[in-house]
Protein backbone atom coordinates (compact mmCIF):
# COMPACT_ATOMS: atom_id res chain seq x y z
CA MET A 1 34.83 -0.90 5.08
CA SER A 2 32.69 0.96 7.57
CA PHE A 3 33.77 4.08 9.51
CA SER A 4 32.25 4.98 12.83
CA THR A 5 31.32 8.63 13.15
CA GLY A 6 31.32 8.36 17.04
CA ARG A 7 34.04 8.49 19.76
CA ALA A 8 35.50 5.21 18.62
CA GLY A 9 36.21 6.70 15.16
CA ARG A 10 37.95 9.65 16.66
CA GLN A 11 40.13 7.45 18.80
CA GLY A 12 41.12 5.48 15.66
CA GLY A 13 42.46 8.58 14.15
CA ALA A 14 41.22 7.70 10.60
CA ARG A 15 40.18 11.20 9.72
CA ASP A 16 41.52 14.10 7.73
CA SER A 17 42.49 16.59 10.36
CA ALA A 18 41.59 19.60 8.27
CA LEU A 19 37.97 18.57 7.44
CA ASN A 20 37.39 16.02 10.24
CA ARG A 21 35.98 13.50 7.83
CA PRO A 22 36.82 9.83 7.32
CA LEU A 23 39.78 9.13 4.92
CA VAL A 24 37.60 7.09 2.59
CA ILE A 25 36.09 10.25 1.40
CA ARG A 26 38.27 11.71 -1.28
CA PRO A 27 38.18 15.08 -2.91
CA GLY A 28 36.39 13.60 -5.91
CA HIS A 29 33.44 12.58 -3.70
CA LEU A 30 32.86 16.26 -2.72
CA GLN A 31 32.32 17.17 -6.37
CA LYS A 32 29.27 14.88 -6.59
CA LEU A 33 26.04 14.81 -4.74
CA ALA A 34 25.43 13.76 -1.12
CA VAL A 35 21.70 12.51 -1.21
CA VAL A 36 19.64 12.30 1.89
CA TYR A 37 16.90 9.79 1.39
CA ILE A 38 13.86 10.49 3.62
CA ARG A 39 10.75 8.12 3.82
CA GLN A 40 7.98 7.38 6.33
CA SER A 41 5.73 4.42 5.49
CA SER A 42 2.28 6.05 5.85
CA MET A 43 0.58 9.40 5.78
CA GLU A 44 -0.44 8.88 9.41
CA GLN A 45 3.27 8.66 10.36
CA VAL A 46 4.09 11.77 8.30
CA ARG A 47 1.28 13.56 10.25
CA ASP A 48 2.04 12.35 13.69
CA ALA A 49 5.67 11.24 13.77
CA THR A 50 7.09 14.63 12.76
CA GLY A 51 10.14 14.09 14.89
CA SER A 52 11.27 11.13 12.66
CA ALA A 53 11.03 13.33 9.60
CA ALA A 54 13.06 16.07 11.41
CA ALA A 55 15.75 13.39 12.34
CA GLN A 56 16.03 12.26 8.75
CA HIS A 57 16.23 15.77 7.43
CA ALA A 58 18.99 16.49 9.94
CA LEU A 59 21.34 13.83 8.37
CA ALA A 60 22.17 16.79 5.83
CA ASP A 61 24.43 18.21 8.55
CA ILE A 62 26.78 15.20 8.20
CA PRO A 63 27.93 15.78 4.65
CA ARG A 64 28.11 19.59 5.44
CA ARG A 65 30.55 18.79 8.28
CA TRP A 66 32.60 16.66 5.97
CA GLY A 67 33.06 19.30 3.40
CA TRP A 68 30.17 19.05 0.98
CA SER A 69 28.97 22.45 -0.12
CA PRO A 70 25.26 23.20 0.51
CA GLY A 71 24.55 23.08 -3.21
CA LYS A 72 25.77 19.48 -3.42
CA ILE A 73 23.58 18.18 -0.69
CA ARG A 74 20.13 17.12 -1.95
CA PRO A 75 17.31 15.75 0.21
CA ILE A 76 14.81 13.33 -1.54
CA ASP A 77 11.54 13.11 0.31
CA GLU A 78 9.04 12.51 -2.51
CA ASP A 79 8.33 9.07 -0.97
CA GLN A 80 6.92 10.34 2.27
CA GLY A 81 3.80 8.28 3.12
CA LYS A 82 4.87 5.39 0.82
CA SER A 83 5.56 1.85 1.86
CA GLY A 84 9.12 0.53 1.35
CA THR A 85 7.70 -2.91 0.31
CA SER A 86 7.89 -1.96 -3.38
CA ALA A 87 9.97 0.51 -5.42
CA ALA A 88 7.31 0.77 -8.25
CA ALA A 89 5.33 3.62 -6.67
CA ARG A 90 8.41 5.40 -5.07
CA THR A 91 9.36 7.92 -7.53
CA GLY A 92 12.04 9.39 -5.06
CA PHE A 93 13.78 6.00 -4.89
CA GLN A 94 13.76 5.68 -8.61
CA GLU A 95 15.24 9.10 -8.93
CA LEU A 96 17.95 8.09 -6.48
CA LEU A 97 18.94 5.01 -8.35
CA ALA A 98 18.89 7.08 -11.66
CA LEU A 99 21.30 9.64 -10.20
CA MET A 100 23.58 6.92 -8.83
CA ASP A 101 23.56 5.06 -12.14
CA THR A 102 24.70 8.19 -14.09
CA GLY A 103 27.55 8.92 -11.71
CA GLU A 104 26.10 12.01 -10.16
CA VAL A 105 26.08 10.65 -6.52
CA SER A 106 28.91 9.82 -4.22
CA LEU A 107 27.24 9.51 -0.87
CA VAL A 108 23.70 8.26 0.26
CA LEU A 109 22.52 9.04 3.76
CA ALA A 110 19.48 7.25 5.34
CA ARG A 111 18.45 6.76 8.94
CA ASP A 112 18.56 3.01 8.50
CA PHE A 113 18.53 0.59 5.59
CA SER A 114 14.82 -0.08 5.94
CA ARG A 115 14.14 3.49 4.87
CA LEU A 116 15.70 2.60 1.51
CA SER A 117 13.73 -0.54 1.02
CA ARG A 118 12.01 -3.32 2.81
CA GLU A 119 12.05 -5.56 -0.38
CA PRO A 120 15.13 -7.72 -0.70
CA ALA A 121 15.25 -7.36 -4.55
CA ASP A 122 15.12 -3.56 -4.22
CA SER A 123 17.79 -3.46 -1.54
CA ALA A 124 19.98 -5.74 -3.53
CA ARG A 125 19.55 -3.53 -6.65
CA PHE A 126 20.43 -0.51 -4.52
CA LEU A 127 23.75 -2.06 -3.35
CA LYS A 128 24.54 -3.32 -6.81
CA VAL A 129 24.16 0.12 -8.34
CA ALA A 130 26.25 1.52 -5.32
CA GLN A 131 29.04 -0.91 -5.95
CA ARG A 132 29.17 -0.11 -9.70
CA ALA A 133 29.00 3.67 -9.23
CA GLY A 134 31.36 3.93 -6.28
CA VAL A 135 28.71 5.36 -3.95
CA LEU A 136 29.32 5.40 -0.18
CA LEU A 137 26.47 4.60 2.32
CA TYR A 138 25.82 6.27 5.62
CA LYS A 139 23.26 4.46 7.89
CA ASP A 140 22.79 3.87 11.66
CA GLY A 141 25.55 6.25 12.50
CA ARG A 142 28.27 4.51 10.43
CA LEU A 143 29.77 5.10 6.96
CA TYR A 144 29.99 2.10 4.55
CA ASP A 145 31.91 1.65 1.36
CA PRO A 146 30.21 -1.07 -0.65
CA THR A 147 33.04 -1.01 -3.23
CA GLY A 148 35.54 -2.17 -0.60
CA ASP A 149 37.12 -5.54 -0.58
CA ASN A 150 35.37 -6.68 2.62
CA ALA A 151 32.93 -9.31 1.53
CA THR A 152 31.74 -9.82 5.07
CA GLU A 153 30.66 -6.27 5.38
CA LEU A 154 28.90 -6.31 2.04
CA PHE A 155 27.14 -9.40 3.17
CA GLY A 156 26.07 -7.58 6.27
CA LEU A 157 24.47 -4.84 4.19
CA HIS A 158 22.63 -7.42 2.18
CA LEU A 159 21.46 -8.87 5.39
CA ASP A 160 20.23 -5.55 6.63
CA GLY A 161 17.97 -5.59 3.59
CA LEU A 162 16.72 -8.99 4.37
CA LEU A 163 16.14 -8.07 8.07
CA GLY A 164 14.11 -5.04 6.99
CA TRP A 165 11.80 -7.41 4.98
CA TRP A 166 11.66 -9.86 7.77
CA ASP A 167 10.72 -7.26 10.34
CA ASN A 168 7.97 -5.90 8.12
CA GLU A 169 6.50 -9.46 7.35
CA THR A 170 6.49 -10.47 10.93
CA ARG A 171 4.86 -7.21 11.92
CA LYS A 172 2.14 -7.63 9.24
CA GLN A 173 1.47 -11.24 10.37
CA ARG A 174 1.16 -10.11 13.95
CA LEU A 175 -1.32 -7.34 13.07
CA ALA A 176 -3.35 -9.81 10.75
CA ALA A 177 -3.46 -12.34 13.51
CA ALA A 178 -4.57 -9.61 16.13
CA ARG A 179 -7.35 -8.54 13.76
CA ARG A 180 -8.49 -12.03 13.08
CA ALA A 181 -8.65 -12.73 16.90
CA LYS A 182 -10.73 -9.59 17.44
CA ALA A 183 -13.10 -10.69 14.50
CA GLU A 184 -13.59 -14.11 16.09
CA HIS A 185 -14.71 -12.45 19.27
CA GLY A 186 -17.40 -10.48 17.34
CA HIS A 187 -15.38 -7.18 17.11
CA ALA A 188 -15.79 -5.78 13.55
CA VAL A 189 -12.40 -4.84 12.21
CA SER A 190 -13.38 -3.82 8.62
CA ARG A 191 -15.18 -0.76 7.51
CA PRO A 192 -18.99 -0.94 7.69
CA PRO A 193 -20.85 -0.71 4.21
CA ILE A 194 -22.92 2.37 3.52
CA GLY A 195 -26.05 2.18 5.61
CA TYR A 196 -24.09 1.38 8.73
CA VAL A 197 -21.70 3.29 11.06
CA LYS A 198 -19.36 2.11 13.75
CA GLY A 199 -20.92 1.57 17.11
CA GLU A 200 -19.55 0.70 20.59
CA ARG A 201 -17.08 -2.32 21.16
CA GLY A 202 -16.65 -3.15 17.55
CA GLY A 203 -20.29 -3.21 16.69
CA TRP A 204 -22.18 -1.70 13.71
CA VAL A 205 -25.38 0.28 13.96
CA LYS A 206 -27.79 1.47 11.23
CA ASP A 207 -26.88 4.94 9.83
CA PRO A 208 -28.44 7.58 12.09
CA ASP A 209 -29.86 9.39 9.03
CA ARG A 210 -33.30 7.99 8.41
CA GLU A 211 -33.08 8.92 4.75
CA VAL A 212 -29.98 6.57 4.23
CA GLN A 213 -31.87 3.70 5.84
CA LYS A 214 -34.83 4.38 3.62
CA VAL A 215 -32.75 4.20 0.41
CA ILE A 216 -30.97 1.05 1.37
CA ARG A 217 -34.28 -0.67 2.17
CA LEU A 218 -35.75 0.56 -1.13
CA ILE A 219 -32.93 -0.75 -3.18
CA PHE A 220 -33.72 -4.28 -1.89
CA GLU A 221 -37.42 -3.84 -2.19
CA ARG A 222 -37.15 -2.68 -5.76
CA ALA A 223 -34.58 -5.44 -6.64
CA ARG A 224 -37.06 -8.10 -5.48
CA GLU A 225 -39.81 -6.41 -7.45
CA LEU A 226 -38.00 -5.46 -10.64
CA GLY A 227 -35.41 -8.16 -10.81
CA SER A 228 -32.26 -6.48 -12.12
CA VAL A 229 -29.72 -3.92 -11.12
CA GLY A 230 -30.40 -1.85 -14.30
CA ALA A 231 -34.15 -1.66 -13.48
CA VAL A 232 -33.23 -0.48 -9.97
CA VAL A 233 -31.03 2.29 -11.30
CA ARG A 234 -33.66 3.45 -13.67
CA TYR A 235 -36.26 3.50 -11.08
CA MET A 236 -34.11 5.71 -8.85
CA ARG A 237 -33.24 8.02 -11.70
CA GLU A 238 -36.99 8.41 -12.76
CA HIS A 239 -37.89 9.27 -9.19
CA HIS A 240 -34.94 11.59 -8.71
CA LEU A 241 -33.45 9.38 -5.82
CA ARG A 242 -29.86 9.86 -4.84
CA PHE A 243 -27.33 7.31 -3.59
CA PRO A 244 -25.82 7.91 -0.04
CA CYS A 245 -22.05 8.05 0.48
CA ARG A 246 -20.06 8.55 3.60
CA ARG A 247 -16.43 9.77 3.65
CA GLY A 248 -14.72 10.55 7.02
CA GLY A 249 -18.17 10.72 8.67
CA GLU A 250 -19.46 13.27 6.18
CA LEU A 251 -22.63 12.31 4.33
CA SER A 252 -23.13 13.17 0.62
CA TRP A 253 -25.67 12.17 -1.93
CA GLN A 254 -24.62 11.15 -5.45
CA ALA A 255 -26.22 9.85 -8.67
CA PRO A 256 -27.19 6.12 -8.53
CA SER A 257 -25.06 3.87 -10.82
CA ARG A 258 -25.01 0.19 -11.59
CA ALA A 259 -21.77 -0.32 -9.68
CA ARG A 260 -23.12 1.29 -6.54
CA ILE A 261 -26.50 -0.57 -6.53
CA TYR A 262 -24.69 -3.87 -7.41
CA SER A 263 -22.28 -3.34 -4.37
CA ILE A 264 -25.40 -3.17 -2.07
CA LEU A 265 -27.37 -6.09 -3.67
CA THR A 266 -24.38 -8.49 -3.51
CA ASN A 267 -23.16 -7.63 -0.02
CA SER A 268 -24.34 -10.32 2.45
CA LEU A 269 -23.35 -8.03 5.42
CA TYR A 270 -26.83 -6.50 5.03
CA THR A 271 -28.29 -9.62 6.40
CA GLY A 272 -26.90 -8.78 9.86
CA CYS A 273 -24.02 -11.56 9.73
CA TYR A 274 -20.59 -10.12 10.07
CA VAL A 275 -18.13 -12.01 7.82
CA TYR A 276 -14.29 -11.43 7.77
CA GLY A 277 -11.47 -12.95 5.84
CA ARG A 278 -13.25 -13.68 2.56
CA VAL A 279 -10.30 -12.61 0.42
CA ARG A 280 -6.60 -12.61 0.55
CA ILE A 281 -4.34 -10.02 -1.14
CA ARG A 282 -1.33 -11.08 -3.25
CA PRO A 283 1.15 -8.46 -3.87
CA GLY A 284 1.94 -7.68 -7.60
CA LEU A 285 5.44 -8.27 -9.13
CA ASP A 286 7.49 -5.61 -10.90
CA GLY A 287 4.96 -2.92 -10.41
CA ALA A 288 1.90 -5.02 -11.43
CA ARG A 289 -1.30 -4.45 -9.55
CA ARG A 290 -2.03 -6.67 -6.50
CA ARG A 291 -4.28 -9.60 -6.97
CA ILE A 292 -7.34 -10.32 -4.60
CA GLU A 293 -8.13 -14.04 -4.36
CA ARG A 294 -11.28 -15.41 -2.75
CA ARG A 295 -10.64 -17.82 0.21
CA ALA A 296 -12.42 -20.95 0.84
CA GLU A 297 -15.69 -20.56 2.79
CA ALA A 298 -14.32 -22.69 5.61
CA GLU A 299 -11.59 -20.02 6.27
CA TRP A 300 -14.19 -17.22 6.72
CA ILE A 301 -15.01 -15.88 10.13
CA SER A 302 -18.85 -15.54 10.36
CA ILE A 303 -20.68 -13.92 13.34
CA PRO A 304 -24.54 -14.21 12.98
CA ASP A 305 -26.72 -11.46 14.38
CA HIS A 306 -23.75 -9.15 14.70
CA HIS A 307 -25.78 -6.02 13.69
CA ASP A 308 -29.31 -5.04 12.67
CA ALA A 309 -30.32 -6.42 9.27
CA TYR A 310 -31.78 -4.60 6.27
CA VAL A 311 -32.95 -7.91 4.73
CA THR A 312 -33.32 -11.48 5.83
CA PRO A 313 -31.01 -14.18 4.62
CA GLU A 314 -33.82 -15.63 2.68
CA GLU A 315 -34.54 -12.38 0.95
CA PHE A 316 -31.02 -11.75 0.12
CA SER A 317 -30.70 -15.37 -1.38
CA ALA A 318 -33.74 -14.67 -3.49
CA VAL A 319 -32.24 -11.43 -4.90
CA SER A 320 -28.95 -13.19 -5.60
CA ARG A 321 -30.68 -15.91 -7.47
CA GLU A 322 -32.66 -13.47 -9.52
CA LEU A 323 -29.49 -11.41 -10.41
CA ALA A 324 -27.59 -14.63 -11.28
CA ALA A 325 -30.42 -15.67 -13.70
CA ARG A 326 -30.25 -12.41 -15.49
CA ARG A 327 -26.57 -12.24 -15.80
CA VAL A 328 -25.38 -11.96 -19.27
CA THR A 329 -23.24 -14.77 -20.69
CA ILE A 330 -20.28 -13.41 -22.55
CA GLN A 331 -19.52 -15.47 -25.56
CA PRO A 332 -15.76 -15.91 -26.24
CA ILE A 333 -14.29 -14.25 -29.22
CA VAL A 334 -13.97 -16.64 -32.22
CA GLY A 335 -10.35 -17.89 -32.36
CA LYS A 336 -8.27 -19.27 -35.06
CA GLY A 337 -9.61 -21.87 -37.34
CA ARG A 338 -9.39 -23.37 -40.86
CA ALA A 339 -12.33 -21.45 -42.27
CA LEU A 340 -11.41 -18.85 -44.88
CA LEU A 341 -13.14 -16.04 -43.06
CA GLN A 342 -12.81 -17.31 -39.51
CA GLY A 343 -14.09 -14.36 -37.22
CA ARG A 344 -14.69 -12.03 -40.15
CA LEU A 345 -18.37 -12.77 -40.73
CA ARG A 346 -21.37 -12.43 -38.49
CA CYS A 347 -25.09 -12.60 -38.82
CA GLY A 348 -26.66 -9.34 -39.53
CA GLU A 349 -29.69 -10.04 -37.35
């Protein structure tokens, strides 16, 4: 059963006259915690949308008016800047569920259901724990009792969880479609690799620092001459050459490494052709890491002559063939077999 906290609720008269609270709130509820769950999806929102955070913190006034003591009102805001699409990285949400499961919570307050979760499995888990522990839910200006006998209302709460997921998915699809449309018109929508900076109208230009340009060209020149990533790294170390890095527009110089040199030599963007949509990201399940899958080349968006090149396509292909020829083939570990010492003996030479 839901209970409005606005004028309609006052006209209905379903309130305790002494404490001006809904009758569904019993004295036992006041002995447990009223938890205000606060979340914004990104650090940009935390930084810029300060009014949203203030409005969520202000929800603590509601249980105070209903008779909860200040010591029994707990805000949980550890998940600020974290997406609601997964509960795996949200320590605040996990803490909330644990408190509910141990019977320490009687009321949860959130601005709307999407603050709690935008993943149907997580929202269903929250409602299941709330039912079992007898926890009331306040959202969108109304008070709900998930333990009530109104199956229609409980279905509505589950539907809220699905709608939060649907809203998030459609917004992501719209943003992805918009980015793809911009890329098709030659507007770079991804971050430029080291050696380039953003120019006007979605273009890239070579880094204004001449030393950065010099190092990028040298890496390709030495790769064509020496033929391997390791040889390029050794050359740079022997000649005390550093690798350029840009973070937030700030340039720094770091020690060369195989990973950094490899990321340059295998990146076709240095040929002047802008490519977008080479991979798709699959979300992980149950806290697993997300998976990155390579798309078919026919799905890529390629814009030739998008920016000034460091190497020609022919030179880049030559380097790629040389690196592929030197790539070490990893032999699989010997598996089970009928031999007495299968996998136990090896040649000493």
